[in-house]
Amino acid sequence: VEAPPPRPPAPSEARAALLSQAQDVKTIAWSATKDPAATGATGDVVWSPSKQQGYMRIRGLQANDPKAQQYQLWIFDATRDQRYPVDGGVFDVRDGEVVIAIHAPIEVRDPKLFAVTVEKPGGVVVSGRERIVLTAAL
């Protein structure tokens, strides 16, 4: 009888492991904007440049209807054109606290700002930045 494959760690467990293992990990607090969806939202971003890995922890962000809109993370890299930040992935919020893995498809060399926008389902290639709900600046 074969043992079942090991369960992958939950995002909160993977976040804790990154914090304990990466020597260069940075923790940056979120700042909520005046957008109504962000009222009372808090949390942080943890990012390791050497591992190119990170997690967002968010509390109090308004729940979204994934059929109508989704949240999307953008990473502003000082070595790239600021008109085109790195897409960190789309995600949904139901309620309470969420921990979301950051999925940057290209290397982030010098992150200066993490920002969450409200976008159409599936996200966008280039955000108009009409609705920025959270920012975390280095």
N, C-alpha and C. Protein backbone atom coordinates (compact mmCIF):
# COMPACT_ATOMS: atom_id res chain seq x y z
N VAL A 1 0.85 -1.16 0.00
CA VAL A 1 0.00 0.00 0.00
C VAL A 1 0.90 1.23 0.00
N GLU A 2 0.65 2.09 -0.96
CA GLU A 2 1.44 3.32 -1.05
C GLU A 2 0.86 4.39 -0.14
N ALA A 3 1.76 5.15 0.43
CA ALA A 3 1.33 6.28 1.25
C ALA A 3 0.81 7.38 0.33
N PRO A 4 -0.19 8.11 0.77
CA PRO A 4 -0.68 9.21 -0.07
C PRO A 4 0.41 10.27 -0.20
N PRO A 5 0.40 11.01 -1.31
CA PRO A 5 1.42 12.05 -1.47
C PRO A 5 1.26 13.10 -0.37
N PRO A 6 2.37 13.71 0.03
CA PRO A 6 2.26 14.72 1.08
C PRO A 6 1.41 15.90 0.63
N ARG A 7 0.67 16.45 1.56
CA ARG A 7 -0.18 17.60 1.28
C ARG A 7 0.70 18.83 1.14
N PRO A 8 0.47 19.63 0.10
CA PRO A 8 1.25 20.87 0.00
C PRO A 8 0.89 21.80 1.15
N PRO A 9 1.84 22.60 1.61
CA PRO A 9 1.53 23.48 2.74
C PRO A 9 0.48 24.53 2.35
N ALA A 10 -0.34 24.88 3.32
CA ALA A 10 -1.30 25.97 3.12
C ALA A 10 -0.51 27.26 2.94
N PRO A 11 -1.08 28.25 2.25
CA PRO A 11 -0.35 29.51 2.06
C PRO A 11 0.15 30.13 3.37
N SER A 12 -0.63 30.04 4.43
CA SER A 12 -0.17 30.61 5.71
C SER A 12 1.04 29.85 6.24
N GLU A 13 1.09 28.52 6.03
CA GLU A 13 2.24 27.72 6.46
C GLU A 13 3.46 28.04 5.60
N ALA A 14 3.26 28.19 4.30
CA ALA A 14 4.36 28.52 3.40
C ALA A 14 4.91 29.91 3.70
N ARG A 15 4.02 30.85 4.06
CA ARG A 15 4.44 32.20 4.44
C ARG A 15 5.33 32.13 5.67
N ALA A 16 4.90 31.39 6.68
CA ALA A 16 5.67 31.25 7.92
C ALA A 16 7.03 30.62 7.64
N ALA A 17 7.07 29.62 6.76
CA ALA A 17 8.34 28.98 6.41
C ALA A 17 9.28 29.97 5.71
N LEU A 18 8.74 30.77 4.80
CA LEU A 18 9.55 31.77 4.12
C LEU A 18 10.13 32.76 5.13
N LEU A 19 9.31 33.21 6.05
CA LEU A 19 9.78 34.16 7.06
C LEU A 19 10.89 33.56 7.92
N SER A 20 10.82 32.27 8.22
CA SER A 20 11.83 31.66 9.08
C SER A 20 13.09 31.22 8.33
N GLN A 21 13.00 31.03 7.02
CA GLN A 21 14.13 30.46 6.28
C GLN A 21 14.88 31.45 5.40
N ALA A 22 14.22 32.46 4.85
CA ALA A 22 14.88 33.37 3.92
C ALA A 22 15.59 34.48 4.72
N GLN A 23 16.87 34.63 4.48
CA GLN A 23 17.66 35.64 5.19
C GLN A 23 17.32 37.06 4.74
N ASP A 24 16.84 37.21 3.51
CA ASP A 24 16.62 38.55 2.95
C ASP A 24 15.14 38.94 2.87
N VAL A 25 14.28 38.20 3.55
CA VAL A 25 12.85 38.48 3.46
C VAL A 25 12.53 39.85 4.06
N LYS A 26 11.65 40.57 3.36
CA LYS A 26 11.20 41.88 3.82
C LYS A 26 9.72 41.78 4.12
N THR A 27 9.27 42.45 5.18
CA THR A 27 7.85 42.52 5.53
C THR A 27 7.43 43.98 5.42
N ILE A 28 6.42 44.23 4.61
CA ILE A 28 5.95 45.59 4.35
C ILE A 28 4.45 45.64 4.66
N ALA A 29 4.04 46.60 5.48
CA ALA A 29 2.62 46.72 5.85
C ALA A 29 1.82 47.33 4.70
N TRP A 30 0.60 46.86 4.55
CA TRP A 30 -0.33 47.45 3.59
C TRP A 30 -0.84 48.78 4.12
N SER A 31 -1.08 49.71 3.22
CA SER A 31 -1.80 50.95 3.51
C SER A 31 -3.06 50.93 2.67
N ALA A 32 -4.20 51.11 3.32
CA ALA A 32 -5.47 51.14 2.60
C ALA A 32 -5.67 52.51 1.95
N THR A 33 -6.24 52.52 0.76
CA THR A 33 -6.56 53.77 0.09
C THR A 33 -7.96 54.20 0.52
N LYS A 34 -8.46 55.26 -0.08
CA LYS A 34 -9.80 55.76 0.24
C LYS A 34 -10.90 55.01 -0.50
N ASP A 35 -10.53 54.04 -1.33
CA ASP A 35 -11.53 53.24 -2.04
C ASP A 35 -12.43 52.54 -1.02
N PRO A 36 -13.75 52.54 -1.22
CA PRO A 36 -14.66 51.90 -0.26
C PRO A 36 -14.36 50.43 0.01
N ALA A 37 -13.82 49.71 -0.95
CA ALA A 37 -13.50 48.29 -0.75
C ALA A 37 -12.38 48.09 0.26
N ALA A 38 -11.59 49.14 0.49
CA ALA A 38 -10.42 49.03 1.37
C ALA A 38 -10.67 49.52 2.79
N THR A 39 -11.86 49.99 3.09
CA THR A 39 -12.15 50.53 4.42
C THR A 39 -11.83 49.51 5.50
N GLY A 40 -10.88 49.84 6.36
CA GLY A 40 -10.50 48.96 7.46
C GLY A 40 -9.55 47.84 7.09
N ALA A 41 -9.09 47.79 5.86
CA ALA A 41 -8.20 46.70 5.43
C ALA A 41 -6.79 46.89 5.99
N THR A 42 -6.17 45.79 6.40
CA THR A 42 -4.81 45.78 6.93
C THR A 42 -4.10 44.53 6.44
N GLY A 43 -2.87 44.38 6.86
CA GLY A 43 -2.10 43.19 6.52
C GLY A 43 -0.70 43.56 6.11
N ASP A 44 -0.06 42.65 5.39
CA ASP A 44 1.32 42.90 4.97
C ASP A 44 1.68 42.04 3.77
N VAL A 45 2.84 42.39 3.21
CA VAL A 45 3.45 41.63 2.13
C VAL A 45 4.79 41.13 2.66
N VAL A 46 5.11 39.88 2.42
CA VAL A 46 6.46 39.39 2.69
C VAL A 46 7.06 38.99 1.35
N TRP A 47 8.32 39.38 1.11
CA TRP A 47 8.96 39.13 -0.18
C TRP A 47 10.43 38.81 0.04
N SER A 48 10.90 37.77 -0.61
CA SER A 48 12.31 37.40 -0.59
C SER A 48 12.88 37.60 -1.99
N PRO A 49 13.75 38.59 -2.17
CA PRO A 49 14.36 38.80 -3.50
C PRO A 49 15.16 37.59 -3.98
N SER A 50 15.90 36.93 -3.09
CA SER A 50 16.74 35.81 -3.52
C SER A 50 15.89 34.61 -3.95
N LYS A 51 14.78 34.39 -3.29
CA LYS A 51 13.91 33.27 -3.64
C LYS A 51 12.86 33.64 -4.69
N GLN A 52 12.71 34.97 -4.95
CA GLN A 52 11.67 35.43 -5.86
C GLN A 52 10.33 34.85 -5.46
N GLN A 53 10.07 34.95 -4.16
CA GLN A 53 8.87 34.34 -3.59
C GLN A 53 8.31 35.29 -2.54
N GLY A 54 6.98 35.29 -2.43
CA GLY A 54 6.36 36.12 -1.40
C GLY A 54 4.90 35.77 -1.20
N TYR A 55 4.33 36.42 -0.18
CA TYR A 55 2.94 36.19 0.19
C TYR A 55 2.31 37.49 0.63
N MET A 56 1.02 37.62 0.34
CA MET A 56 0.23 38.74 0.83
C MET A 56 -0.67 38.21 1.94
N ARG A 57 -0.75 38.95 3.03
CA ARG A 57 -1.71 38.66 4.09
C ARG A 57 -2.62 39.88 4.17
N ILE A 58 -3.92 39.64 4.02
CA ILE A 58 -4.87 40.75 3.96
C ILE A 58 -6.05 40.44 4.88
N ARG A 59 -6.41 41.44 5.68
CA ARG A 59 -7.58 41.35 6.56
C ARG A 59 -8.50 42.52 6.25
N GLY A 60 -9.79 42.27 6.17
CA GLY A 60 -10.76 43.35 6.08
C GLY A 60 -11.00 43.94 4.71
N LEU A 61 -10.40 43.39 3.67
CA LEU A 61 -10.68 43.87 2.31
C LEU A 61 -12.06 43.35 1.92
N GLN A 62 -12.85 44.18 1.28
CA GLN A 62 -14.22 43.82 0.91
C GLN A 62 -14.23 42.56 0.04
N ALA A 63 -15.15 41.65 0.35
CA ALA A 63 -15.31 40.45 -0.47
C ALA A 63 -15.69 40.86 -1.89
N ASN A 64 -15.22 40.09 -2.86
CA ASN A 64 -15.53 40.38 -4.26
C ASN A 64 -16.34 39.25 -4.87
N ASP A 65 -17.09 39.57 -5.92
CA ASP A 65 -17.79 38.57 -6.72
C ASP A 65 -16.89 38.26 -7.90
N PRO A 66 -16.26 37.07 -7.94
CA PRO A 66 -15.31 36.75 -9.02
C PRO A 66 -15.90 36.83 -10.42
N LYS A 67 -17.22 36.77 -10.54
CA LYS A 67 -17.84 36.88 -11.86
C LYS A 67 -17.92 38.34 -12.32
N ALA A 68 -17.79 39.27 -11.37
CA ALA A 68 -17.89 40.70 -11.69
C ALA A 68 -16.54 41.41 -11.65
N GLN A 69 -15.69 41.03 -10.68
CA GLN A 69 -14.39 41.68 -10.54
C GLN A 69 -13.47 40.83 -9.70
N GLN A 70 -12.17 41.05 -9.87
CA GLN A 70 -11.17 40.36 -9.08
C GLN A 70 -10.11 41.38 -8.66
N TYR A 71 -9.39 41.02 -7.60
CA TYR A 71 -8.25 41.83 -7.17
C TYR A 71 -7.02 41.35 -7.93
N GLN A 72 -6.10 42.29 -8.21
CA GLN A 72 -4.89 41.95 -8.93
C GLN A 72 -3.72 42.67 -8.27
N LEU A 73 -2.63 41.93 -8.06
CA LEU A 73 -1.42 42.48 -7.46
C LEU A 73 -0.48 42.97 -8.55
N TRP A 74 0.13 44.12 -8.30
CA TRP A 74 1.14 44.69 -9.19
C TRP A 74 2.40 44.97 -8.37
N ILE A 75 3.56 44.65 -8.95
CA ILE A 75 4.84 44.90 -8.29
C ILE A 75 5.61 45.90 -9.13
N PHE A 76 5.88 47.06 -8.55
CA PHE A 76 6.63 48.10 -9.24
C PHE A 76 8.10 47.89 -8.95
N ASP A 77 8.85 47.59 -10.00
CA ASP A 77 10.28 47.28 -9.93
C ASP A 77 11.05 48.50 -10.42
N ALA A 78 11.98 49.00 -9.61
CA ALA A 78 12.74 50.21 -9.96
C ALA A 78 13.57 50.04 -11.23
N THR A 79 13.83 48.80 -11.64
CA THR A 79 14.64 48.57 -12.84
C THR A 79 13.79 48.46 -14.11
N ARG A 80 12.48 48.65 -13.99
CA ARG A 80 11.58 48.52 -15.14
C ARG A 80 10.78 49.80 -15.33
N ASP A 81 10.20 49.94 -16.49
CA ASP A 81 9.32 51.07 -16.82
C ASP A 81 8.12 51.03 -15.88
N GLN A 82 7.88 52.11 -15.13
CA GLN A 82 6.81 52.15 -14.14
C GLN A 82 5.41 52.09 -14.75
N ARG A 83 5.32 52.31 -16.06
CA ARG A 83 4.01 52.18 -16.72
C ARG A 83 3.59 50.72 -16.81
N TYR A 84 4.57 49.81 -16.67
CA TYR A 84 4.30 48.38 -16.83
C TYR A 84 4.83 47.59 -15.63
N PRO A 85 4.15 47.67 -14.49
CA PRO A 85 4.60 46.89 -13.34
C PRO A 85 4.43 45.39 -13.59
N VAL A 86 5.10 44.60 -12.78
CA VAL A 86 5.03 43.14 -12.89
C VAL A 86 3.70 42.67 -12.31
N ASP A 87 3.00 41.85 -13.06
CA ASP A 87 1.73 41.26 -12.62
C ASP A 87 2.03 40.20 -11.57
N GLY A 88 1.46 40.36 -10.38
CA GLY A 88 1.68 39.39 -9.30
C GLY A 88 0.55 38.39 -9.15
N GLY A 89 -0.45 38.45 -10.04
CA GLY A 89 -1.54 37.49 -10.01
C GLY A 89 -2.86 38.09 -9.57
N VAL A 90 -3.94 37.40 -9.91
CA VAL A 90 -5.28 37.80 -9.51
C VAL A 90 -5.74 36.91 -8.36
N PHE A 91 -6.63 37.45 -7.53
CA PHE A 91 -7.12 36.68 -6.40
C PHE A 91 -8.48 37.19 -5.97
N ASP A 92 -9.13 36.39 -5.14
CA ASP A 92 -10.46 36.72 -4.62
C ASP A 92 -10.39 36.78 -3.10
N VAL A 93 -11.31 37.55 -2.53
CA VAL A 93 -11.44 37.66 -1.09
C VAL A 93 -12.87 37.30 -0.73
N ARG A 94 -13.02 36.38 0.20
CA ARG A 94 -14.37 36.01 0.66
C ARG A 94 -14.71 36.77 1.92
N ASP A 95 -13.93 36.57 2.96
CA ASP A 95 -14.10 37.31 4.21
C ASP A 95 -12.93 36.99 5.13
N GLY A 96 -12.82 37.74 6.20
CA GLY A 96 -11.78 37.49 7.18
C GLY A 96 -10.39 37.73 6.64
N GLU A 97 -9.44 36.89 7.06
CA GLU A 97 -8.05 37.02 6.64
C GLU A 97 -7.75 36.04 5.51
N VAL A 98 -7.02 36.51 4.51
CA VAL A 98 -6.57 35.65 3.43
C VAL A 98 -5.06 35.76 3.32
N VAL A 99 -4.42 34.66 2.95
CA VAL A 99 -2.99 34.64 2.65
C VAL A 99 -2.88 34.11 1.24
N ILE A 100 -2.23 34.90 0.38
CA ILE A 100 -2.16 34.57 -1.04
C ILE A 100 -0.71 34.55 -1.49
N ALA A 101 -0.32 33.49 -2.19
CA ALA A 101 1.02 33.42 -2.76
C ALA A 101 1.13 34.41 -3.91
N ILE A 102 2.29 35.04 -4.01
CA ILE A 102 2.56 35.97 -5.11
C ILE A 102 3.17 35.17 -6.26
N HIS A 103 2.61 35.34 -7.45
CA HIS A 103 3.07 34.62 -8.64
C HIS A 103 3.61 35.63 -9.65
N ALA A 104 4.88 35.98 -9.54
CA ALA A 104 5.50 36.91 -10.48
C ALA A 104 6.09 36.09 -11.64
N PRO A 105 5.60 36.31 -12.87
CA PRO A 105 6.07 35.50 -14.00
C PRO A 105 7.48 35.87 -14.48
N ILE A 106 7.96 37.05 -14.08
CA ILE A 106 9.32 37.47 -14.45
C ILE A 106 10.04 37.93 -13.19
N GLU A 107 11.36 37.97 -13.27
CA GLU A 107 12.17 38.35 -12.11
C GLU A 107 11.87 39.78 -11.66
N VAL A 108 11.75 39.93 -10.36
CA VAL A 108 11.57 41.25 -9.75
C VAL A 108 12.91 41.58 -9.09
N ARG A 109 13.64 42.52 -9.69
CA ARG A 109 15.00 42.81 -9.23
C ARG A 109 15.05 43.80 -8.07
N ASP A 110 14.24 44.85 -8.12
CA ASP A 110 14.30 45.90 -7.10
C ASP A 110 12.88 46.42 -6.81
N PRO A 111 12.09 45.63 -6.04
CA PRO A 111 10.71 46.05 -5.78
C PRO A 111 10.66 47.31 -4.92
N LYS A 112 9.82 48.25 -5.34
CA LYS A 112 9.66 49.51 -4.59
C LYS A 112 8.24 49.68 -4.07
N LEU A 113 7.27 49.07 -4.77
CA LEU A 113 5.88 49.23 -4.37
C LEU A 113 5.09 48.00 -4.80
N PHE A 114 4.23 47.54 -3.89
CA PHE A 114 3.26 46.50 -4.20
C PHE A 114 1.90 47.20 -4.14
N ALA A 115 1.05 46.95 -5.13
CA ALA A 115 -0.26 47.61 -5.17
C ALA A 115 -1.32 46.59 -5.61
N VAL A 116 -2.49 46.70 -4.98
CA VAL A 116 -3.63 45.84 -5.34
C VAL A 116 -4.69 46.71 -5.99
N THR A 117 -5.13 46.28 -7.17
CA THR A 117 -6.18 47.00 -7.89
C THR A 117 -7.42 46.11 -8.02
N VAL A 118 -8.53 46.74 -8.38
CA VAL A 118 -9.76 46.02 -8.70
C VAL A 118 -9.85 45.98 -10.22
N GLU A 119 -9.97 44.78 -10.78
CA GLU A 119 -9.97 44.61 -12.23
C GLU A 119 -11.11 43.69 -12.66
N LYS A 120 -11.27 43.52 -13.97
CA LYS A 120 -12.27 42.61 -14.49
C LYS A 120 -11.86 41.17 -14.19
N PRO A 121 -12.80 40.21 -14.23
CA PRO A 121 -12.45 38.82 -13.97
C PRO A 121 -11.30 38.35 -14.86
N GLY A 122 -10.33 37.68 -14.25
CA GLY A 122 -9.16 37.21 -14.97
C GLY A 122 -8.02 38.21 -15.00
N GLY A 123 -8.29 39.44 -14.57
CA GLY A 123 -7.25 40.45 -14.53
C GLY A 123 -7.00 41.09 -15.89
N VAL A 124 -6.03 41.98 -15.91
CA VAL A 124 -5.68 42.71 -17.12
C VAL A 124 -4.17 42.65 -17.34
N VAL A 125 -3.75 42.94 -18.57
CA VAL A 125 -2.32 42.97 -18.89
C VAL A 125 -1.70 44.28 -18.41
N VAL A 126 -2.41 45.38 -18.61
CA VAL A 126 -1.97 46.69 -18.14
C VAL A 126 -3.15 47.34 -17.42
N SER A 127 -2.94 47.70 -16.17
CA SER A 127 -4.02 48.29 -15.38
C SER A 127 -4.14 49.78 -15.66
N GLY A 128 -5.38 50.26 -15.70
CA GLY A 128 -5.63 51.69 -15.79
C GLY A 128 -5.47 52.35 -14.43
N ARG A 129 -5.36 51.53 -13.37
CA ARG A 129 -5.15 51.98 -11.99
C ARG A 129 -6.26 52.89 -11.49
N GLU A 130 -7.48 52.71 -12.02
CA GLU A 130 -8.61 53.51 -11.57
C GLU A 130 -8.98 53.21 -10.12
N ARG A 131 -8.82 51.92 -9.74
CA ARG A 131 -9.19 51.53 -8.39
C ARG A 131 -8.03 50.80 -7.71
N ILE A 132 -7.19 51.54 -7.06
CA ILE A 132 -6.12 50.97 -6.24
C ILE A 132 -6.68 50.90 -4.82
N VAL A 133 -6.64 49.70 -4.21
CA VAL A 133 -7.22 49.55 -2.88
C VAL A 133 -6.17 49.43 -1.77
N LEU A 134 -5.02 48.86 -2.09
CA LEU A 134 -3.95 48.68 -1.10
C LEU A 134 -2.60 49.00 -1.73
N THR A 135 -1.70 49.55 -0.93
CA THR A 135 -0.31 49.76 -1.36
C THR A 135 0.62 49.38 -0.22
N ALA A 136 1.81 48.91 -0.58
CA ALA A 136 2.87 48.64 0.39
C ALA A 136 4.17 49.09 -0.25
N ALA A 137 4.75 50.15 0.31
CA ALA A 137 5.96 50.75 -0.28
C ALA A 137 7.19 50.39 0.53
N LEU A 138 8.28 50.14 -0.18
CA LEU A 138 9.57 49.90 0.46
C LEU A 138 10.32 51.20 0.61
